[in-house]
Amino acid sequence: MESLRADAEYAYGGTPNWYDVTLAGYNYVDDRCSIYFDSIFKLNRQREAAKSGISAFGQTTNAILGVTGATQLSMTVVAQAFGLASNLTDVVAGTYLYELPPATTKKFVGELARAYRDGTARQKGSIDSAPAAYGYIRGYLDLCLPATIEGELVEHVGSAVAVANPTTSGSGVDLRIASEGNLPPPRSFERPPSVTAPLPRTHAPKRLTAEDGVSPVAWSKIQTYLCVAPPDGSLGPSTRMAVRDFYKGKGDNRPDVLVAGGINESDIRLLKRNSDLSLAKTCAERGVPDAYSVGKLSQ
């Protein structure tokens, strides 16, 4: 802490601004973290070079043994020896390397560090003593420790959200996978415009329902089947009313379909099956006036 006080230009007595000392500590940690990532980056490249060299030596040795008439047993033993060397290279290097490339991991840690610095700036009034500054610096150092990095990466992957993008091709479902921070607004986490700006309000991610998994093409066919005009492929109030009238015609009162999420998976299977059987004909072509009549005829 005395060295950090000197870095912050408070080496000659007096009460320092402990926030400045904390920033000096952050800068020192950043230097050490950069050296650390530079080392594992070089180790990663050395591992790849070693494996390539072992593979090249192995192939050359086998070629020489083949030309000199060595036995099959000798060639097999040599091949296994080089394979063992390559595997051991991975084992030793894997003790120090992450599963992700060092460059990617360093960028991730950089984002953690940026957020930590922003948080410190917003509460710098609480850094009023050497123990408080030490606690902040120790927490910042933790961001660059292997256990923290792996834990944060696992948490980051575990909080990923998959969203289906409706397609009109009918050849499958397109999925978009993102962390909560990359979701379209309203986002559950957004980077503040500055370190002094208040944090945005948090929003829980929308829970996907069976309705969200229906493509506009399928909704358009269902609308045609239920006499909704025009069939725009969007689940709006008129389509919900038509679904309710359809069930009324079947003798089943379903007011729940009028609210978001009320059309369940069983309803969608029934509507899709019936709309497929209608061969995409309009209600006029089928001789029915409305969704109630459609439901009555489907009993």
Protein backbone atom coordinates (compact mmCIF):
# COMPACT_ATOMS: atom_id res chain seq x y z
CA MET A 1 0.00 0.00 0.00
CA GLU A 2 2.93 2.36 0.62
CA SER A 3 4.17 1.72 -2.92
CA LEU A 4 0.72 2.46 -4.29
CA ARG A 5 0.59 5.67 -2.28
CA ALA A 6 3.85 6.65 -3.96
CA ASP A 7 2.41 5.79 -7.38
CA ALA A 8 -0.53 8.07 -6.58
CA GLU A 9 1.96 10.82 -5.57
CA TYR A 10 1.15 10.73 -1.85
CA ALA A 11 4.53 9.49 -0.67
CA TYR A 12 5.41 12.39 1.61
CA GLY A 13 2.96 12.08 4.45
CA GLY A 14 -0.47 13.53 4.88
CA THR A 15 -3.80 11.87 4.27
CA PRO A 16 -4.06 10.65 0.69
CA ASN A 17 -7.11 10.51 -1.48
CA TRP A 18 -7.67 6.77 -1.13
CA TYR A 19 -9.66 6.64 -4.35
CA ASP A 20 -6.52 7.81 -6.21
CA VAL A 21 -4.51 5.14 -4.40
CA THR A 22 -7.09 2.56 -5.41
CA LEU A 23 -6.79 3.59 -9.07
CA ALA A 24 -3.01 3.25 -8.78
CA GLY A 25 -3.60 -0.27 -7.50
CA TYR A 26 -5.89 -1.03 -10.43
CA ASN A 27 -3.20 0.14 -12.86
CA TYR A 28 -0.62 -2.11 -11.20
CA VAL A 29 -2.99 -5.08 -11.37
CA ASP A 30 -3.66 -4.36 -15.06
CA ASP A 31 0.08 -4.47 -15.75
CA ARG A 32 0.49 -7.80 -14.01
CA CYS A 33 -2.63 -9.22 -15.69
CA SER A 34 -1.31 -8.21 -19.12
CA ILE A 35 1.97 -9.99 -18.43
CA TYR A 36 0.02 -13.07 -17.32
CA PHE A 37 -2.09 -13.19 -20.48
CA ASP A 38 0.95 -12.54 -22.65
CA SER A 39 2.60 -15.57 -21.04
CA ILE A 40 -0.31 -17.93 -21.62
CA PHE A 41 -0.70 -16.61 -25.18
CA LYS A 42 2.92 -17.55 -25.87
CA LEU A 43 2.43 -20.92 -24.15
CA ASN A 44 -0.58 -21.61 -26.36
CA ARG A 45 1.45 -20.86 -29.50
CA GLN A 46 4.37 -22.96 -28.24
CA ARG A 47 2.02 -25.88 -27.65
CA GLU A 48 0.71 -25.71 -31.22
CA ALA A 49 4.25 -25.44 -32.57
CA ALA A 50 5.42 -28.39 -30.45
CA LYS A 51 2.52 -30.57 -31.62
CA SER A 52 3.17 -29.68 -35.25
CA GLY A 53 6.87 -30.49 -34.83
CA ILE A 54 6.16 -33.81 -33.14
CA SER A 55 3.73 -34.74 -35.92
CA ALA A 56 6.26 -33.83 -38.62
CA PHE A 57 9.02 -35.83 -36.92
CA GLY A 58 6.67 -38.76 -36.53
CA GLN A 59 5.73 -38.81 -40.20
CA THR A 60 9.36 -38.44 -41.30
CA THR A 61 10.52 -41.22 -38.97
CA ASN A 62 7.84 -43.59 -40.26
CA ALA A 63 8.83 -42.79 -43.83
CA ILE A 64 12.49 -43.57 -43.07
CA LEU A 65 11.56 -46.81 -41.32
CA GLY A 66 9.44 -47.81 -44.31
CA VAL A 67 12.26 -47.18 -46.76
CA THR A 68 14.82 -49.08 -44.65
CA GLY A 69 12.56 -52.10 -44.33
CA ALA A 70 11.78 -51.89 -40.62
CA THR A 71 9.26 -54.32 -39.19
CA GLN A 72 5.60 -53.39 -38.77
CA LEU A 73 5.99 -53.74 -35.02
CA SER A 74 8.81 -51.15 -34.96
CA MET A 75 6.78 -48.69 -37.02
CA THR A 76 3.74 -49.16 -34.75
CA VAL A 77 5.79 -48.58 -31.58
CA VAL A 78 7.38 -45.44 -33.02
CA ALA A 79 3.98 -44.06 -34.11
CA GLN A 80 2.54 -44.67 -30.64
CA ALA A 81 5.57 -43.01 -29.03
CA PHE A 82 5.09 -39.83 -31.06
CA GLY A 83 1.34 -39.91 -30.36
CA LEU A 84 2.09 -40.16 -26.62
CA ALA A 85 4.45 -37.17 -26.85
CA SER A 86 1.77 -35.11 -28.60
CA ASN A 87 -0.86 -36.03 -26.00
CA LEU A 88 1.49 -35.24 -23.11
CA THR A 89 2.12 -31.83 -24.65
CA ASP A 90 -1.62 -31.16 -24.48
CA VAL A 91 -1.82 -32.44 -20.90
CA VAL A 92 1.01 -30.24 -19.65
CA ALA A 93 -0.11 -27.11 -21.52
CA GLY A 94 -3.75 -27.72 -20.56
CA THR A 95 -2.74 -27.37 -16.90
CA TYR A 96 -2.12 -23.66 -17.50
CA LEU A 97 -4.38 -22.80 -20.43
CA TYR A 98 -8.10 -22.10 -20.61
CA GLU A 99 -10.43 -23.92 -22.99
CA LEU A 100 -11.00 -20.64 -24.84
CA PRO A 101 -8.17 -18.88 -26.72
CA PRO A 102 -6.16 -16.50 -24.50
CA ALA A 103 -7.06 -13.49 -26.68
CA THR A 104 -10.80 -14.16 -26.21
CA THR A 105 -10.39 -14.71 -22.48
CA LYS A 106 -8.38 -11.52 -22.09
CA LYS A 107 -11.12 -9.51 -23.80
CA PHE A 108 -13.70 -11.04 -21.43
CA VAL A 109 -11.58 -10.13 -18.39
CA GLY A 110 -11.20 -6.62 -19.82
CA GLU A 111 -14.99 -6.24 -19.80
CA LEU A 112 -15.12 -7.39 -16.17
CA ALA A 113 -12.39 -4.91 -15.26
CA ARG A 114 -14.18 -2.04 -17.03
CA ALA A 115 -17.40 -2.77 -15.14
CA TYR A 116 -15.51 -3.02 -11.84
CA ARG A 117 -13.86 0.37 -12.43
CA ASP A 118 -17.22 1.93 -13.30
CA GLY A 119 -18.71 0.54 -10.09
CA THR A 120 -15.79 1.87 -8.06
CA ALA A 121 -16.24 5.36 -9.52
CA ARG A 122 -19.92 5.37 -8.54
CA GLN A 123 -19.14 4.54 -4.91
CA LYS A 124 -15.74 6.17 -4.45
CA GLY A 125 -17.05 8.01 -1.39
CA SER A 126 -16.83 4.74 0.55
CA ILE A 127 -13.07 4.45 -0.10
CA ASP A 128 -11.92 6.54 2.85
CA SER A 129 -9.16 4.43 4.42
CA ALA A 130 -6.27 2.12 3.61
CA PRO A 131 -8.26 -1.06 4.48
CA ALA A 132 -11.12 0.05 2.22
CA ALA A 133 -8.73 0.75 -0.66
CA TYR A 134 -7.01 -2.59 -0.09
CA GLY A 135 -10.36 -4.41 -0.25
CA TYR A 136 -11.25 -2.81 -3.58
CA ILE A 137 -7.83 -3.59 -5.05
CA ARG A 138 -7.98 -7.19 -3.86
CA GLY A 139 -11.40 -7.60 -5.50
CA TYR A 140 -10.01 -6.15 -8.72
CA LEU A 141 -7.08 -8.58 -8.60
CA ASP A 142 -9.51 -11.48 -8.21
CA LEU A 143 -10.87 -10.72 -11.70
CA CYS A 144 -7.58 -11.90 -13.22
CA LEU A 145 -7.28 -15.11 -11.18
CA PRO A 146 -7.93 -18.41 -13.03
CA ALA A 147 -10.66 -19.56 -10.62
CA THR A 148 -12.60 -16.30 -11.07
CA ILE A 149 -12.18 -16.28 -14.85
CA GLU A 150 -13.42 -19.86 -15.27
CA GLY A 151 -16.31 -19.27 -12.86
CA GLU A 152 -17.42 -16.14 -14.70
CA LEU A 153 -17.14 -17.87 -18.10
CA VAL A 154 -19.30 -20.76 -16.90
CA GLU A 155 -21.84 -18.32 -15.46
CA HIS A 156 -21.80 -16.33 -18.71
CA VAL A 157 -22.54 -19.44 -20.77
CA GLY A 158 -25.14 -20.65 -18.30
CA SER A 159 -27.10 -17.38 -18.54
CA ALA A 160 -27.30 -17.48 -22.33
CA VAL A 161 -30.78 -17.12 -23.84
CA ALA A 162 -31.98 -18.76 -27.06
CA VAL A 163 -34.70 -17.05 -29.11
CA ALA A 164 -36.41 -18.51 -32.16
CA ASN A 165 -36.53 -16.27 -35.22
CA PRO A 166 -39.64 -17.07 -37.31
CA THR A 167 -38.80 -18.03 -40.89
CA THR A 168 -40.93 -18.26 -44.00
CA SER A 169 -38.85 -20.94 -45.68
CA GLY A 170 -40.43 -23.81 -43.78
CA SER A 171 -37.04 -25.56 -43.69
CA GLY A 172 -36.53 -25.36 -39.93
CA VAL A 173 -36.22 -22.89 -37.10
CA ASP A 174 -33.53 -20.22 -36.88
CA LEU A 175 -32.15 -19.73 -33.39
CA ARG A 176 -30.34 -16.68 -32.05
CA ILE A 177 -28.29 -17.25 -28.91
CA ALA A 178 -27.11 -14.31 -26.82
CA SER A 179 -26.26 -13.38 -23.30
CA GLU A 180 -28.74 -11.23 -21.42
CA GLY A 181 -26.60 -8.18 -22.15
CA ASN A 182 -26.96 -8.70 -25.92
CA LEU A 183 -30.73 -9.11 -26.00
CA PRO A 184 -32.80 -6.47 -27.77
CA PRO A 185 -34.37 -3.79 -25.53
CA PRO A 186 -35.59 -3.90 -22.86
CA ARG A 187 -32.28 -5.41 -21.77
CA SER A 188 -31.60 -6.83 -18.34
CA PHE A 189 -28.16 -5.21 -18.34
CA GLU A 190 -26.88 -2.23 -20.26
CA ARG A 191 -23.55 -0.42 -20.13
CA PRO A 192 -24.08 3.01 -18.55
CA PRO A 193 -23.19 5.95 -20.82
CA SER A 194 -20.72 7.24 -18.19
CA VAL A 195 -19.38 6.28 -14.79
CA THR A 196 -21.61 8.87 -13.10
CA ALA A 197 -24.85 7.91 -14.88
CA PRO A 198 -27.41 5.94 -12.86
CA LEU A 199 -27.77 2.29 -13.73
CA PRO A 200 -30.75 1.40 -15.95
CA ARG A 201 -33.72 -0.41 -14.50
CA THR A 202 -33.53 -4.14 -14.82
CA HIS A 203 -36.08 -6.19 -16.72
CA ALA A 204 -36.59 -9.91 -16.44
CA PRO A 205 -36.22 -11.64 -19.82
CA LYS A 206 -39.53 -12.48 -21.47
CA ARG A 207 -40.63 -16.06 -20.90
CA LEU A 208 -41.24 -17.74 -24.24
CA THR A 209 -44.66 -19.36 -24.76
CA ALA A 210 -46.06 -21.78 -27.30
CA GLU A 211 -47.44 -18.80 -29.23
CA ASP A 212 -43.89 -17.45 -29.75
CA GLY A 213 -42.86 -20.63 -31.55
CA VAL A 214 -45.44 -20.27 -34.34
CA SER A 215 -44.13 -18.76 -37.57
CA PRO A 216 -46.00 -16.00 -39.45
CA VAL A 217 -46.64 -18.48 -42.27
CA ALA A 218 -48.39 -20.86 -39.86
CA TRP A 219 -50.42 -18.02 -38.31
CA SER A 220 -51.46 -16.92 -41.79
CA LYS A 221 -52.77 -20.41 -42.58
CA ILE A 222 -54.61 -20.53 -39.24
CA GLN A 223 -56.14 -17.10 -39.94
CA THR A 224 -57.33 -18.28 -43.36
CA TYR A 225 -58.86 -21.35 -41.70
CA LEU A 226 -60.64 -19.20 -39.06
CA CYS A 227 -61.96 -16.60 -41.54
CA VAL A 228 -59.69 -13.79 -40.30
CA ALA A 229 -59.18 -11.22 -43.05
CA PRO A 230 -56.66 -10.24 -44.09
CA PRO A 231 -54.40 -13.13 -43.02
CA ASP A 232 -51.38 -11.02 -42.07
CA GLY A 233 -49.50 -13.74 -40.15
CA SER A 234 -49.62 -11.76 -36.87
CA LEU A 235 -51.31 -12.93 -33.68
CA GLY A 236 -53.45 -9.88 -32.91
CA PRO A 237 -56.77 -9.27 -31.10
CA SER A 238 -58.87 -10.27 -34.13
CA THR A 239 -57.08 -13.61 -34.40
CA ARG A 240 -57.52 -14.27 -30.68
CA MET A 241 -61.24 -13.49 -30.97
CA ALA A 242 -61.48 -15.91 -33.87
CA VAL A 243 -59.78 -18.64 -31.81
CA ARG A 244 -62.23 -18.05 -28.98
CA ASP A 245 -65.20 -18.18 -31.39
CA PHE A 246 -63.77 -21.37 -32.89
CA TYR A 247 -63.82 -23.04 -29.47
CA LYS A 248 -67.29 -21.66 -28.77
CA GLY A 249 -68.48 -23.38 -31.92
CA LYS A 250 -66.98 -26.60 -30.59
CA GLY A 251 -68.93 -26.11 -27.35
CA ASP A 252 -65.88 -25.11 -25.31
CA ASN A 253 -65.74 -21.68 -23.65
CA ARG A 254 -62.09 -20.51 -23.74
CA PRO A 255 -61.79 -16.85 -22.67
CA ASP A 256 -58.16 -17.55 -21.71
CA VAL A 257 -57.09 -17.48 -25.37
CA LEU A 258 -57.75 -13.72 -25.44
CA VAL A 259 -54.71 -12.98 -23.23
CA ALA A 260 -51.04 -13.30 -24.17
CA GLY A 261 -49.83 -16.86 -23.73
CA GLY A 262 -53.36 -18.23 -23.48
CA ILE A 263 -53.13 -20.26 -26.70
CA ASN A 264 -51.27 -23.33 -25.53
CA GLU A 265 -49.33 -26.00 -27.38
CA SER A 266 -52.35 -28.31 -27.66
CA ASP A 267 -54.42 -25.50 -29.19
CA ILE A 268 -51.72 -24.75 -31.73
CA ARG A 269 -51.39 -28.41 -32.75
CA LEU A 270 -55.16 -28.60 -33.32
CA LEU A 271 -55.31 -25.35 -35.29
CA LYS A 272 -52.30 -26.27 -37.43
CA ARG A 273 -53.71 -29.72 -38.20
CA ASN A 274 -57.12 -28.35 -39.15
CA SER A 275 -55.63 -25.54 -41.25
CA ASP A 276 -53.52 -28.08 -43.14
CA LEU A 277 -56.62 -30.21 -43.78
CA SER A 278 -58.45 -27.16 -45.16
CA LEU A 279 -55.87 -27.04 -48.01
CA ALA A 280 -55.46 -23.27 -47.45
CA LYS A 281 -58.90 -22.55 -48.90
CA THR A 282 -60.67 -19.38 -47.79
CA CYS A 283 -63.86 -19.53 -45.77
CA ALA A 284 -65.83 -18.39 -48.83
CA GLU A 285 -64.41 -21.30 -50.83
CA ARG A 286 -65.31 -23.70 -48.03
CA GLY A 287 -68.78 -22.17 -47.58
CA VAL A 288 -68.44 -21.08 -43.93
CA PRO A 289 -69.18 -17.52 -42.71
CA ASP A 290 -67.07 -17.21 -39.53
CA ALA A 291 -64.81 -18.91 -36.97
CA TYR A 292 -67.79 -20.04 -34.87
CA SER A 293 -69.15 -22.00 -37.83
CA VAL A 294 -65.68 -23.42 -38.49
CA GLY A 295 -65.54 -24.73 -34.92
CA LYS A 296 -69.02 -26.17 -35.17
CA LEU A 297 -68.18 -28.06 -38.34
CA SER A 298 -64.93 -29.41 -36.86
CA GLN A 299 -66.64 -31.37 -34.07
